[in-house]
Amino acid sequence: MKNLAGLMKQAQQMQDRMQEMQARLEAMEMEGEAGAGLVAVVLSGKGELKRLRLDPKVVDPADIEMLSDLIVAAHADAKRKIEATNAAEMQKVTAGMPLPPGMKLPF
């Protein structure tokens, strides 16, 4: 029974740390760029688009397709950064907790 109580305590501590981590991630903002900084987007830690910055040099009515591609690329860059940060933070939270291989948290 002592092991069960210890496991429950460990699970509660992990849950508390996970809630703290999620609050930090929600408050975080990550910027992604494309076109050597001509297009930049800022996403929240949850992946919501917060801001979009366009350099006037990239706004060409004759080439809207390139602008669209740059916006998508900047968004993808920011999203990759958020996912990497989330994974690193999750590693900190679950350190020392025996989880099955491939199990991703939060569920």
Foldseek 3Di string as FASTA:
>chain_A
DVVVVVLVVLVVQLVVLVVVVVVVQQADKFKFFFPVRQWIWIAGLVLHTDDIHHHVVVDDPVCVVVVVVGNVRRSVRRVVVSVVVVVVSNCVSCVPPDDPPPDDPPD
